[in-house]
């Protein structure tokens, strides 16, 4: 979902007009309209953060990258309501409504766990969802590293042979994980990859 669509959905849900949003946030009406209409290809992060704070959502939600945003987008594609998702997964509606403040646990990656339930119910790419939860956990913990892209770019031009563990660790760092991966985390990532490959083979 595009940034403008995310903002408009929040406006509709909260019954807020563009004019009121502009006045309440001190974002010029023309600037806000350009962001919503997609005329600004790279809107200022500051403006998006102000809008996110106004609606009490994360910046990642506005960008369509948070777990909740990803789930809502897939639900819209499937024409599924949150009540239907709750019934299909057995997960409480309240939990589904607050995914962007949910810190995943080890058991969420196992059979019957929250993440596995969502992947199966929505036929969604597990890698996308797992990475969204990992990025969210690191952001909530204040350890998100912004320089990992440069590290990966440097490695792309090297001829160093990396182990499987090193590759998975770099991939985790790409989405904000800080430090080395535990054996449990490595197993979780491998499981997510297996689920994704199994679904692609169907």
N, C-alpha and C. Protein backbone atom coordinates (compact mmCIF):
# COMPACT_ATOMS: atom_id res chain seq x y z
N UNK A 1 0.84 -1.19 0.00
CA UNK A 1 0.00 0.00 0.00
C UNK A 1 0.88 1.25 0.00
N UNK A 2 0.49 2.23 -0.79
CA UNK A 2 1.27 3.46 -0.88
C UNK A 2 1.10 4.32 0.36
N UNK A 3 2.07 5.21 0.57
CA UNK A 3 2.03 6.09 1.73
C UNK A 3 0.73 6.89 1.78
N UNK A 4 0.35 7.44 0.65
CA UNK A 4 -0.88 8.23 0.58
C UNK A 4 -2.11 7.42 0.95
N UNK A 5 -2.13 6.16 0.50
CA UNK A 5 -3.26 5.29 0.82
C UNK A 5 -3.32 5.01 2.32
N UNK A 6 -2.14 4.81 2.92
CA UNK A 6 -2.09 4.57 4.36
C UNK A 6 -2.64 5.77 5.13
N UNK A 7 -2.22 6.96 4.71
CA UNK A 7 -2.67 8.18 5.40
C UNK A 7 -4.17 8.37 5.22
N UNK A 8 -4.65 8.16 3.99
CA UNK A 8 -6.09 8.33 3.72
C UNK A 8 -6.92 7.33 4.51
N UNK A 9 -6.40 6.09 4.65
CA UNK A 9 -7.12 5.08 5.43
C UNK A 9 -7.22 5.50 6.89
N UNK A 10 -6.13 6.08 7.42
CA UNK A 10 -6.15 6.57 8.80
C UNK A 10 -7.11 7.75 8.95
N UNK A 11 -7.13 8.63 7.97
CA UNK A 11 -8.04 9.77 7.99
C UNK A 11 -9.49 9.30 7.98
N UNK A 12 -9.78 8.32 7.13
CA UNK A 12 -11.15 7.79 7.03
C UNK A 12 -11.57 7.12 8.33
N UNK A 13 -10.67 6.32 8.88
CA UNK A 13 -10.96 5.60 10.12
C UNK A 13 -11.23 6.56 11.27
N UNK A 14 -10.48 7.67 11.31
CA UNK A 14 -10.60 8.65 12.40
C UNK A 14 -11.50 9.83 12.04
N UNK A 15 -12.11 9.77 10.85
CA UNK A 15 -13.02 10.83 10.37
C UNK A 15 -12.34 12.20 10.41
N UNK A 16 -11.14 12.23 9.83
CA UNK A 16 -10.35 13.47 9.77
C UNK A 16 -10.23 13.92 8.32
N UNK A 17 -10.49 15.17 8.05
CA UNK A 17 -10.33 15.71 6.70
C UNK A 17 -8.89 16.16 6.47
N UNK A 18 -8.55 16.36 5.23
CA UNK A 18 -7.20 16.85 4.92
C UNK A 18 -6.96 18.21 5.55
N UNK A 19 -7.99 19.04 5.51
CA UNK A 19 -7.86 20.39 6.06
C UNK A 19 -7.61 20.34 7.57
N UNK A 20 -8.34 19.48 8.27
CA UNK A 20 -8.15 19.36 9.73
C UNK A 20 -6.78 18.78 10.04
N UNK A 21 -6.36 17.77 9.27
CA UNK A 21 -5.04 17.18 9.49
C UNK A 21 -3.94 18.21 9.27
N UNK A 22 -4.12 19.03 8.25
CA UNK A 22 -3.15 20.09 7.95
C UNK A 22 -3.07 21.10 9.11
N UNK A 23 -4.24 21.52 9.60
CA UNK A 23 -4.27 22.50 10.69
C UNK A 23 -3.72 21.93 11.98
N UNK A 24 -4.10 20.68 12.28
CA UNK A 24 -3.68 20.07 13.55
C UNK A 24 -2.19 19.74 13.60
N UNK A 25 -1.60 19.49 12.44
CA UNK A 25 -0.19 19.10 12.41
C UNK A 25 0.75 20.22 11.96
N UNK A 26 0.17 21.33 11.51
CA UNK A 26 0.95 22.46 10.98
C UNK A 26 1.71 22.08 9.71
N UNK A 27 1.25 21.06 9.03
CA UNK A 27 1.82 20.71 7.72
C UNK A 27 1.01 21.46 6.67
N UNK A 28 1.65 22.28 5.84
CA UNK A 28 0.91 23.05 4.83
C UNK A 28 -0.02 22.15 4.02
N UNK A 29 -1.22 22.65 3.74
CA UNK A 29 -2.23 21.85 3.03
C UNK A 29 -1.70 21.34 1.68
N UNK A 30 -0.99 22.21 0.96
CA UNK A 30 -0.47 21.79 -0.35
C UNK A 30 0.56 20.67 -0.20
N UNK A 31 1.39 20.77 0.84
CA UNK A 31 2.40 19.73 1.09
C UNK A 31 1.71 18.42 1.43
N UNK A 32 0.72 18.48 2.30
CA UNK A 32 -0.02 17.28 2.70
C UNK A 32 -0.71 16.64 1.49
N UNK A 33 -1.32 17.46 0.67
CA UNK A 33 -2.01 16.96 -0.53
C UNK A 33 -1.03 16.29 -1.48
N UNK A 34 0.14 16.88 -1.64
CA UNK A 34 1.14 16.28 -2.52
C UNK A 34 1.62 14.93 -1.99
N UNK A 35 1.77 14.83 -0.67
CA UNK A 35 2.18 13.55 -0.07
C UNK A 35 1.10 12.50 -0.30
N UNK A 36 -0.15 12.85 -0.02
CA UNK A 36 -1.26 11.90 -0.15
C UNK A 36 -1.48 11.49 -1.60
N UNK A 37 -1.34 12.45 -2.51
CA UNK A 37 -1.56 12.15 -3.93
C UNK A 37 -0.35 11.50 -4.61
N UNK A 38 0.73 11.34 -3.86
CA UNK A 38 1.91 10.69 -4.41
C UNK A 38 2.73 11.57 -5.33
N UNK A 39 2.53 12.87 -5.24
CA UNK A 39 3.30 13.79 -6.11
C UNK A 39 4.68 14.06 -5.52
N UNK A 40 4.83 13.77 -4.24
CA UNK A 40 6.13 13.91 -3.60
C UNK A 40 6.74 12.53 -3.50
N UNK A 41 7.72 12.22 -4.34
CA UNK A 41 8.30 10.88 -4.37
C UNK A 41 9.03 10.54 -3.08
N UNK A 42 9.70 11.53 -2.51
CA UNK A 42 10.44 11.30 -1.27
C UNK A 42 10.00 12.32 -0.21
N UNK A 43 8.81 12.09 0.36
CA UNK A 43 8.33 13.04 1.37
C UNK A 43 9.27 13.09 2.57
N UNK A 44 9.36 14.25 3.19
CA UNK A 44 10.25 14.41 4.33
C UNK A 44 9.83 13.48 5.46
N UNK A 45 10.81 12.80 6.01
CA UNK A 45 10.54 11.86 7.10
C UNK A 45 9.91 12.60 8.28
N UNK A 46 10.34 13.83 8.49
CA UNK A 46 9.80 14.62 9.60
C UNK A 46 8.29 14.80 9.48
N UNK A 47 7.82 15.10 8.26
CA UNK A 47 6.38 15.29 8.04
C UNK A 47 5.63 13.98 8.27
N UNK A 48 6.19 12.88 7.78
CA UNK A 48 5.56 11.57 7.97
C UNK A 48 5.52 11.18 9.44
N UNK A 49 6.60 11.52 10.16
CA UNK A 49 6.66 11.22 11.60
C UNK A 49 5.60 12.01 12.35
N UNK A 50 5.39 13.25 11.96
CA UNK A 50 4.36 14.08 12.59
C UNK A 50 2.98 13.46 12.37
N UNK A 51 2.73 13.00 11.14
CA UNK A 51 1.44 12.37 10.81
C UNK A 51 1.28 11.07 11.59
N UNK A 52 2.36 10.28 11.66
CA UNK A 52 2.31 9.02 12.40
C UNK A 52 1.99 9.27 13.87
N UNK A 53 2.66 10.26 14.47
CA UNK A 53 2.42 10.60 15.88
C UNK A 53 0.99 11.08 16.09
N UNK A 54 0.49 11.84 15.13
CA UNK A 54 -0.88 12.37 15.22
C UNK A 54 -1.90 11.25 15.32
N UNK A 55 -1.69 10.20 14.51
CA UNK A 55 -2.62 9.07 14.51
C UNK A 55 -2.20 7.96 15.48
N UNK A 56 -1.13 8.21 16.23
CA UNK A 56 -0.62 7.25 17.21
C UNK A 56 -0.27 5.90 16.57
N UNK A 57 0.43 5.98 15.45
CA UNK A 57 0.94 4.78 14.78
C UNK A 57 2.44 4.97 14.56
N UNK A 58 3.11 3.91 14.17
CA UNK A 58 4.56 4.00 13.93
C UNK A 58 4.84 4.56 12.54
N UNK A 59 6.05 5.06 12.35
CA UNK A 59 6.46 5.53 11.03
C UNK A 59 6.45 4.37 10.04
N UNK A 60 6.85 3.19 10.50
CA UNK A 60 6.83 2.01 9.65
C UNK A 60 5.42 1.68 9.17
N UNK A 61 4.43 1.97 10.01
CA UNK A 61 3.03 1.73 9.61
C UNK A 61 2.66 2.64 8.43
N UNK A 62 3.04 3.92 8.55
CA UNK A 62 2.77 4.88 7.46
C UNK A 62 3.46 4.42 6.18
N UNK A 63 4.67 3.86 6.32
CA UNK A 63 5.44 3.41 5.17
C UNK A 63 4.99 2.04 4.67
N UNK A 64 4.05 1.41 5.38
CA UNK A 64 3.54 0.11 4.97
C UNK A 64 4.48 -1.04 5.27
N UNK A 65 5.41 -0.83 6.23
CA UNK A 65 6.42 -1.84 6.52
C UNK A 65 6.23 -2.52 7.88
N UNK A 66 5.31 -2.04 8.69
CA UNK A 66 5.13 -2.63 10.02
C UNK A 66 4.31 -3.91 9.90
N UNK A 67 4.39 -4.79 10.92
CA UNK A 67 3.59 -6.02 10.88
C UNK A 67 2.11 -5.76 10.64
N UNK A 68 1.56 -4.79 11.35
CA UNK A 68 0.13 -4.50 11.21
C UNK A 68 -0.20 -4.00 9.80
N UNK A 69 0.64 -3.14 9.25
CA UNK A 69 0.40 -2.63 7.90
C UNK A 69 0.45 -3.76 6.87
N UNK A 70 1.41 -4.66 7.02
CA UNK A 70 1.55 -5.79 6.10
C UNK A 70 0.33 -6.70 6.20
N UNK A 71 -0.11 -6.97 7.43
CA UNK A 71 -1.28 -7.83 7.65
C UNK A 71 -2.53 -7.18 7.07
N UNK A 72 -2.72 -5.90 7.33
CA UNK A 72 -3.91 -5.19 6.83
C UNK A 72 -3.94 -5.17 5.31
N UNK A 73 -2.78 -4.98 4.68
CA UNK A 73 -2.72 -4.97 3.22
C UNK A 73 -3.13 -6.34 2.66
N UNK A 74 -2.62 -7.40 3.28
CA UNK A 74 -2.96 -8.75 2.82
C UNK A 74 -4.43 -9.05 3.06
N UNK A 75 -4.98 -8.60 4.19
CA UNK A 75 -6.40 -8.79 4.47
C UNK A 75 -7.26 -8.09 3.42
N UNK A 76 -6.83 -6.89 3.02
CA UNK A 76 -7.58 -6.16 1.99
C UNK A 76 -7.55 -6.91 0.66
N UNK A 77 -6.39 -7.49 0.33
CA UNK A 77 -6.26 -8.27 -0.91
C UNK A 77 -7.19 -9.48 -0.89
N UNK A 78 -7.36 -10.07 0.29
CA UNK A 78 -8.19 -11.26 0.43
C UNK A 78 -9.64 -10.92 0.79
N UNK A 79 -9.92 -9.62 0.93
CA UNK A 79 -11.25 -9.16 1.33
C UNK A 79 -11.67 -9.83 2.65
N UNK A 80 -10.75 -9.85 3.59
CA UNK A 80 -10.96 -10.50 4.88
C UNK A 80 -11.05 -9.46 5.99
N UNK A 81 -11.98 -9.66 6.91
CA UNK A 81 -12.11 -8.75 8.04
C UNK A 81 -11.23 -9.23 9.19
N UNK A 82 -11.02 -8.35 10.15
CA UNK A 82 -10.20 -8.72 11.30
C UNK A 82 -10.90 -9.79 12.14
N UNK A 83 -12.24 -9.76 12.15
CA UNK A 83 -13.00 -10.79 12.87
C UNK A 83 -12.79 -12.16 12.23
N UNK A 84 -12.77 -12.18 10.89
CA UNK A 84 -12.56 -13.43 10.17
C UNK A 84 -11.15 -13.96 10.41
N UNK A 85 -10.17 -13.05 10.44
CA UNK A 85 -8.79 -13.45 10.70
C UNK A 85 -8.65 -14.00 12.11
N UNK A 86 -9.31 -13.35 13.04
CA UNK A 86 -9.28 -13.81 14.43
C UNK A 86 -9.87 -15.22 14.54
N UNK A 87 -10.98 -15.43 13.87
CA UNK A 87 -11.63 -16.74 13.90
C UNK A 87 -10.77 -17.81 13.23
N UNK A 88 -10.15 -17.45 12.13
CA UNK A 88 -9.34 -18.41 11.37
C UNK A 88 -8.07 -18.80 12.11
N UNK A 89 -7.48 -17.86 12.82
CA UNK A 89 -6.20 -18.12 13.51
C UNK A 89 -6.39 -18.51 14.97
N UNK A 90 -7.52 -18.13 15.54
CA UNK A 90 -7.72 -18.36 16.96
C UNK A 90 -7.02 -17.31 17.81
N UNK A 91 -6.48 -16.28 17.15
CA UNK A 91 -5.79 -15.20 17.87
C UNK A 91 -6.80 -14.13 18.30
N UNK A 92 -6.67 -13.60 19.51
CA UNK A 92 -7.61 -12.57 19.97
C UNK A 92 -7.59 -11.34 19.05
N UNK A 93 -8.75 -10.78 18.84
CA UNK A 93 -8.88 -9.59 17.99
C UNK A 93 -8.01 -8.45 18.52
N UNK A 94 -7.95 -8.31 19.83
CA UNK A 94 -7.16 -7.26 20.46
C UNK A 94 -5.68 -7.40 20.11
N UNK A 95 -5.20 -8.64 20.07
CA UNK A 95 -3.80 -8.88 19.70
C UNK A 95 -3.55 -8.46 18.26
N UNK A 96 -4.46 -8.82 17.37
CA UNK A 96 -4.32 -8.48 15.96
C UNK A 96 -4.37 -6.98 15.73
N UNK A 97 -5.14 -6.28 16.54
CA UNK A 97 -5.25 -4.83 16.39
C UNK A 97 -4.03 -4.10 16.93
N UNK A 98 -3.22 -4.79 17.74
CA UNK A 98 -2.06 -4.15 18.37
C UNK A 98 -0.74 -4.82 17.99
N UNK A 99 -0.66 -5.32 16.76
CA UNK A 99 0.55 -6.02 16.32
C UNK A 99 1.78 -5.12 16.30
N UNK A 100 1.57 -3.82 16.13
CA UNK A 100 2.72 -2.92 16.02
C UNK A 100 3.34 -2.57 17.38
N UNK A 101 2.77 -3.08 18.44
CA UNK A 101 3.40 -2.92 19.75
C UNK A 101 3.72 -4.29 20.35
N UNK A 102 3.56 -5.32 19.53
CA UNK A 102 3.78 -6.69 19.99
C UNK A 102 5.24 -7.07 19.80
N UNK A 103 5.86 -7.55 20.88
CA UNK A 103 7.23 -8.04 20.79
C UNK A 103 7.17 -9.55 20.64
N UNK A 104 7.68 -10.06 19.53
CA UNK A 104 7.58 -11.50 19.29
C UNK A 104 8.40 -12.30 20.29
N UNK A 105 7.96 -13.52 20.53
CA UNK A 105 8.64 -14.46 21.41
C UNK A 105 9.09 -15.66 20.59
N UNK A 106 9.97 -16.46 21.15
CA UNK A 106 10.49 -17.63 20.43
C UNK A 106 9.38 -18.56 19.97
N UNK A 107 8.37 -18.76 20.82
CA UNK A 107 7.30 -19.69 20.48
C UNK A 107 6.42 -19.21 19.32
N UNK A 108 6.50 -17.91 18.99
CA UNK A 108 5.70 -17.39 17.88
C UNK A 108 6.16 -17.95 16.54
N UNK A 109 7.40 -18.46 16.48
CA UNK A 109 7.94 -19.00 15.23
C UNK A 109 7.68 -20.50 15.10
N UNK A 110 7.13 -21.10 16.16
CA UNK A 110 6.91 -22.53 16.15
C UNK A 110 5.49 -22.85 15.70
N UNK A 111 5.24 -24.13 15.40
CA UNK A 111 3.92 -24.57 14.97
C UNK A 111 2.86 -24.11 15.97
N UNK A 112 1.83 -23.43 15.46
CA UNK A 112 0.78 -22.91 16.32
C UNK A 112 1.07 -21.54 16.89
N UNK A 113 2.29 -21.03 16.68
CA UNK A 113 2.66 -19.71 17.18
C UNK A 113 2.03 -18.59 16.36
N UNK A 114 2.05 -17.40 16.92
CA UNK A 114 1.38 -16.25 16.29
C UNK A 114 1.84 -16.01 14.86
N UNK A 115 3.14 -15.98 14.63
CA UNK A 115 3.64 -15.67 13.29
C UNK A 115 3.31 -16.78 12.30
N UNK A 116 3.46 -18.03 12.74
CA UNK A 116 3.13 -19.16 11.86
C UNK A 116 1.64 -19.16 11.55
N UNK A 117 0.81 -18.84 12.54
CA UNK A 117 -0.64 -18.79 12.34
C UNK A 117 -1.01 -17.74 11.28
N UNK A 118 -0.38 -16.56 11.38
CA UNK A 118 -0.68 -15.49 10.44
C UNK A 118 -0.21 -15.85 9.03
N UNK A 119 0.97 -16.45 8.93
CA UNK A 119 1.51 -16.85 7.63
C UNK A 119 0.58 -17.85 6.96
N UNK A 120 0.12 -18.82 7.71
CA UNK A 120 -0.74 -19.87 7.15
C UNK A 120 -2.13 -19.34 6.81
N UNK A 121 -2.68 -18.51 7.67
CA UNK A 121 -4.04 -18.00 7.45
C UNK A 121 -4.12 -17.04 6.27
N UNK A 122 -3.04 -16.29 6.04
CA UNK A 122 -3.04 -15.26 5.00
C UNK A 122 -2.25 -15.65 3.75
N UNK A 123 -1.61 -16.84 3.79
CA UNK A 123 -0.75 -17.26 2.68
C UNK A 123 0.21 -16.14 2.30
N UNK A 124 0.90 -15.65 3.31
CA UNK A 124 1.79 -14.50 3.14
C UNK A 124 3.24 -14.97 3.17
N UNK A 125 4.12 -14.23 2.51
CA UNK A 125 5.54 -14.56 2.52
C UNK A 125 6.06 -14.44 3.95
N UNK A 126 6.49 -15.56 4.55
CA UNK A 126 6.94 -15.51 5.94
C UNK A 126 8.15 -14.63 6.15
N UNK A 127 9.02 -14.53 5.14
CA UNK A 127 10.22 -13.70 5.28
C UNK A 127 9.86 -12.24 5.53
N UNK A 128 8.86 -11.76 4.79
CA UNK A 128 8.45 -10.36 4.93
C UNK A 128 7.93 -10.11 6.34
N UNK A 129 7.10 -11.03 6.83
CA UNK A 129 6.50 -10.85 8.15
C UNK A 129 7.53 -11.01 9.26
N UNK A 130 8.39 -12.02 9.14
CA UNK A 130 9.42 -12.25 10.15
C UNK A 130 10.34 -11.04 10.24
N UNK A 131 10.78 -10.53 9.09
CA UNK A 131 11.68 -9.38 9.08
C UNK A 131 11.00 -8.14 9.66
N UNK A 132 9.69 -7.99 9.40
CA UNK A 132 8.96 -6.84 9.96
C UNK A 132 8.93 -6.91 11.47
N UNK A 133 8.69 -8.11 12.02
CA UNK A 133 8.67 -8.27 13.47
C UNK A 133 10.06 -8.07 14.07
N UNK A 134 11.09 -8.55 13.37
CA UNK A 134 12.46 -8.38 13.87
C UNK A 134 12.85 -6.90 13.87
N UNK A 135 12.51 -6.21 12.78
CA UNK A 135 12.82 -4.78 12.70
C UNK A 135 12.07 -4.02 13.80
N UNK A 136 10.81 -4.39 14.01
CA UNK A 136 10.01 -3.72 15.03
C UNK A 136 10.60 -3.92 16.42
N UNK A 137 11.01 -5.15 16.71
CA UNK A 137 11.58 -5.44 18.03
C UNK A 137 12.83 -4.60 18.27
N UNK A 138 13.66 -4.49 17.25
CA UNK A 138 14.89 -3.71 17.40
C UNK A 138 14.61 -2.22 17.51
N UNK A 139 13.60 -1.74 16.80
CA UNK A 139 13.24 -0.33 16.91
C UNK A 139 12.67 -0.03 18.28
N UNK A 140 11.84 -0.93 18.78
CA UNK A 140 11.27 -0.73 20.11
C UNK A 140 12.34 -0.78 21.19
N UNK A 141 13.39 -1.55 20.92
CA UNK A 141 14.50 -1.66 21.87
C UNK A 141 15.55 -0.57 21.66
N UNK A 142 15.36 0.24 20.62
CA UNK A 142 16.28 1.35 20.36
C UNK A 142 17.63 0.93 19.83
N UNK A 143 17.71 -0.22 19.12
CA UNK A 143 19.01 -0.67 18.64
C UNK A 143 19.07 -0.80 17.13
N UNK A 144 18.19 -0.13 16.44
CA UNK A 144 18.17 -0.23 14.98
C UNK A 144 19.41 0.42 14.38
N UNK A 145 20.18 -0.31 13.58
CA UNK A 145 21.40 0.21 12.99
C UNK A 145 21.16 0.61 11.54
N UNK A 146 21.53 1.85 11.20
CA UNK A 146 21.27 2.35 9.86
C UNK A 146 22.43 2.13 8.88
N UNK A 147 23.56 1.65 9.38
CA UNK A 147 24.72 1.54 8.50
C UNK A 147 24.92 0.14 7.94
N UNK A 148 23.97 -0.78 8.15
CA UNK A 148 24.15 -2.15 7.68
C UNK A 148 24.11 -2.24 6.15
N UNK A 149 23.36 -1.36 5.50
CA UNK A 149 23.31 -1.39 4.03
C UNK A 149 24.70 -1.14 3.45
N UNK A 150 25.44 -0.24 4.08
CA UNK A 150 26.79 0.04 3.59
C UNK A 150 27.70 -1.17 3.79
N UNK A 151 27.52 -1.86 4.90
CA UNK A 151 28.32 -3.06 5.15
C UNK A 151 28.04 -4.13 4.10
N UNK A 152 26.75 -4.32 3.80
CA UNK A 152 26.38 -5.33 2.80
C UNK A 152 26.88 -4.94 1.41
N UNK A 153 26.77 -3.65 1.10
CA UNK A 153 27.23 -3.17 -0.20
C UNK A 153 28.73 -3.41 -0.36
N UNK A 154 29.48 -3.20 0.72
CA UNK A 154 30.92 -3.42 0.67
C UNK A 154 31.22 -4.90 0.46
N UNK A 155 30.44 -5.76 1.10
CA UNK A 155 30.67 -7.19 0.97
C UNK A 155 30.34 -7.70 -0.43
N UNK A 156 29.37 -7.04 -1.10
CA UNK A 156 28.99 -7.46 -2.45
C UNK A 156 30.16 -7.37 -3.42
N UNK A 157 31.09 -6.47 -3.14
CA UNK A 157 32.23 -6.27 -4.02
C UNK A 157 33.46 -7.04 -3.58
N UNK A 158 33.29 -7.81 -2.51
CA UNK A 158 34.42 -8.60 -2.04
C UNK A 158 34.27 -10.04 -2.50
N UNK A 159 35.34 -10.78 -2.39
CA UNK A 159 35.30 -12.19 -2.79
C UNK A 159 35.46 -13.09 -1.58
N UNK A 160 35.04 -12.58 -0.43
CA UNK A 160 35.17 -13.34 0.80
C UNK A 160 34.06 -14.39 0.85
N UNK A 161 34.42 -15.62 1.15
CA UNK A 161 33.44 -16.68 1.30
C UNK A 161 32.85 -16.60 2.70
N UNK A 162 31.52 -16.48 2.76
CA UNK A 162 30.86 -16.37 4.05
C UNK A 162 30.15 -17.67 4.39
N UNK A 163 30.12 -17.98 5.67
CA UNK A 163 29.40 -19.16 6.12
C UNK A 163 27.91 -18.86 6.11
N UNK A 164 27.10 -19.92 6.23
CA UNK A 164 25.65 -19.76 6.26
C UNK A 164 25.25 -18.87 7.43
N UNK A 165 25.88 -19.08 8.57
CA UNK A 165 25.57 -18.28 9.76
C UNK A 165 25.89 -16.80 9.54
N UNK A 166 27.02 -16.52 8.88
CA UNK A 166 27.40 -15.13 8.61
C UNK A 166 26.43 -14.46 7.64
N UNK A 167 25.98 -15.22 6.64
CA UNK A 167 25.02 -14.67 5.66
C UNK A 167 23.70 -14.34 6.34
N UNK A 168 23.21 -15.26 7.17
CA UNK A 168 21.95 -15.03 7.87
C UNK A 168 22.07 -13.88 8.86
N UNK A 169 23.23 -13.76 9.49
CA UNK A 169 23.45 -12.66 10.44
C UNK A 169 23.44 -11.32 9.71
N UNK A 170 24.09 -11.26 8.56
CA UNK A 170 24.09 -10.02 7.78
C UNK A 170 22.68 -9.67 7.32
N UNK A 171 21.91 -10.69 6.93
CA UNK A 171 20.53 -10.45 6.51
C UNK A 171 19.71 -9.90 7.67
N UNK A 172 19.94 -10.44 8.87
CA UNK A 172 19.24 -9.95 10.05
C UNK A 172 19.65 -8.52 10.37
N UNK A 173 20.92 -8.20 10.21
CA UNK A 173 21.38 -6.83 10.45
C UNK A 173 20.76 -5.86 9.45
N UNK A 174 20.48 -6.35 8.25
CA UNK A 174 19.88 -5.52 7.21
C UNK A 174 18.53 -4.97 7.66
N UNK A 175 17.80 -5.75 8.47
CA UNK A 175 16.49 -5.30 8.92
C UNK A 175 16.51 -4.82 10.36
N UNK A 176 17.71 -4.56 10.89
CA UNK A 176 17.78 -3.90 12.18
C UNK A 176 18.23 -4.72 13.36
N UNK A 177 18.49 -6.02 13.17
CA UNK A 177 18.95 -6.83 14.31
C UNK A 177 20.36 -6.38 14.72
N UNK A 178 20.60 -6.34 16.01
CA UNK A 178 21.89 -5.88 16.52
C UNK A 178 22.64 -7.05 17.12
N UNK A 179 23.88 -7.23 16.72
CA UNK A 179 24.72 -8.26 17.31
C UNK A 179 24.56 -9.62 16.64
N UNK A 180 25.21 -10.63 17.20
CA UNK A 180 25.16 -11.98 16.61
C UNK A 180 23.82 -12.63 16.86
N UNK A 181 23.51 -13.65 16.05
CA UNK A 181 22.27 -14.40 16.21
C UNK A 181 22.49 -15.59 17.14
N UNK A 182 21.50 -15.87 17.95
CA UNK A 182 21.56 -17.05 18.79
C UNK A 182 21.20 -18.28 17.95
N UNK A 183 21.45 -19.46 18.48
CA UNK A 183 21.09 -20.70 17.78
C UNK A 183 19.59 -20.73 17.53
N UNK A 184 18.81 -20.27 18.50
CA UNK A 184 17.35 -20.25 18.37
C UNK A 184 16.91 -19.32 17.25
N UNK A 185 17.54 -18.14 17.16
CA UNK A 185 17.19 -17.19 16.11
C UNK A 185 17.56 -17.72 14.73
N UNK A 186 18.72 -18.37 14.62
CA UNK A 186 19.13 -18.98 13.35
C UNK A 186 18.12 -20.04 12.93
N UNK A 187 17.66 -20.82 13.87
CA UNK A 187 16.68 -21.87 13.58
C UNK A 187 15.36 -21.25 13.12
N UNK A 188 14.99 -20.13 13.74
CA UNK A 188 13.74 -19.45 13.37
C UNK A 188 13.80 -18.91 11.94
N UNK A 189 14.92 -18.31 11.57
CA UNK A 189 15.08 -17.77 10.23
C UNK A 189 15.06 -18.90 9.20
N UNK A 190 15.74 -20.00 9.52
CA UNK A 190 15.76 -21.14 8.60
C UNK A 190 14.36 -21.72 8.42
N UNK A 191 13.57 -21.75 9.52
CA UNK A 191 12.20 -22.24 9.44
C UNK A 191 11.36 -21.34 8.54
N UNK A 192 11.54 -20.03 8.69
CA UNK A 192 10.79 -19.08 7.87
C UNK A 192 11.13 -19.28 6.38
N UNK A 193 12.40 -19.54 6.09
CA UNK A 193 12.83 -19.76 4.71
C UNK A 193 12.22 -21.05 4.16
N UNK A 194 12.15 -22.09 5.01
CA UNK A 194 11.56 -23.36 4.57
C UNK A 194 10.09 -23.20 4.25
N UNK A 195 9.38 -22.44 5.10
CA UNK A 195 7.95 -22.20 4.86
C UNK A 195 7.76 -21.46 3.55
N UNK A 196 8.60 -20.43 3.33
CA UNK A 196 8.50 -19.64 2.09
C UNK A 196 8.75 -20.51 0.86
N UNK A 197 9.79 -21.34 0.91
CA UNK A 197 10.12 -22.19 -0.23
C UNK A 197 9.05 -23.23 -0.48
N UNK A 198 8.47 -23.77 0.61
CA UNK A 198 7.41 -24.77 0.48
C UNK A 198 6.19 -24.17 -0.19
N UNK A 199 5.86 -22.92 0.17
CA UNK A 199 4.70 -22.26 -0.43
C UNK A 199 4.94 -21.94 -1.89
N UNK A 200 6.18 -21.58 -2.24
CA UNK A 200 6.51 -21.27 -3.64
C UNK A 200 6.49 -22.52 -4.51
N UNK A 201 6.74 -23.70 -3.91
CA UNK A 201 6.76 -24.94 -4.66
C UNK A 201 5.38 -25.48 -4.95
N UNK A 202 4.37 -24.92 -4.23
CA UNK A 202 2.99 -25.43 -4.41
C UNK A 202 2.43 -24.97 -5.75
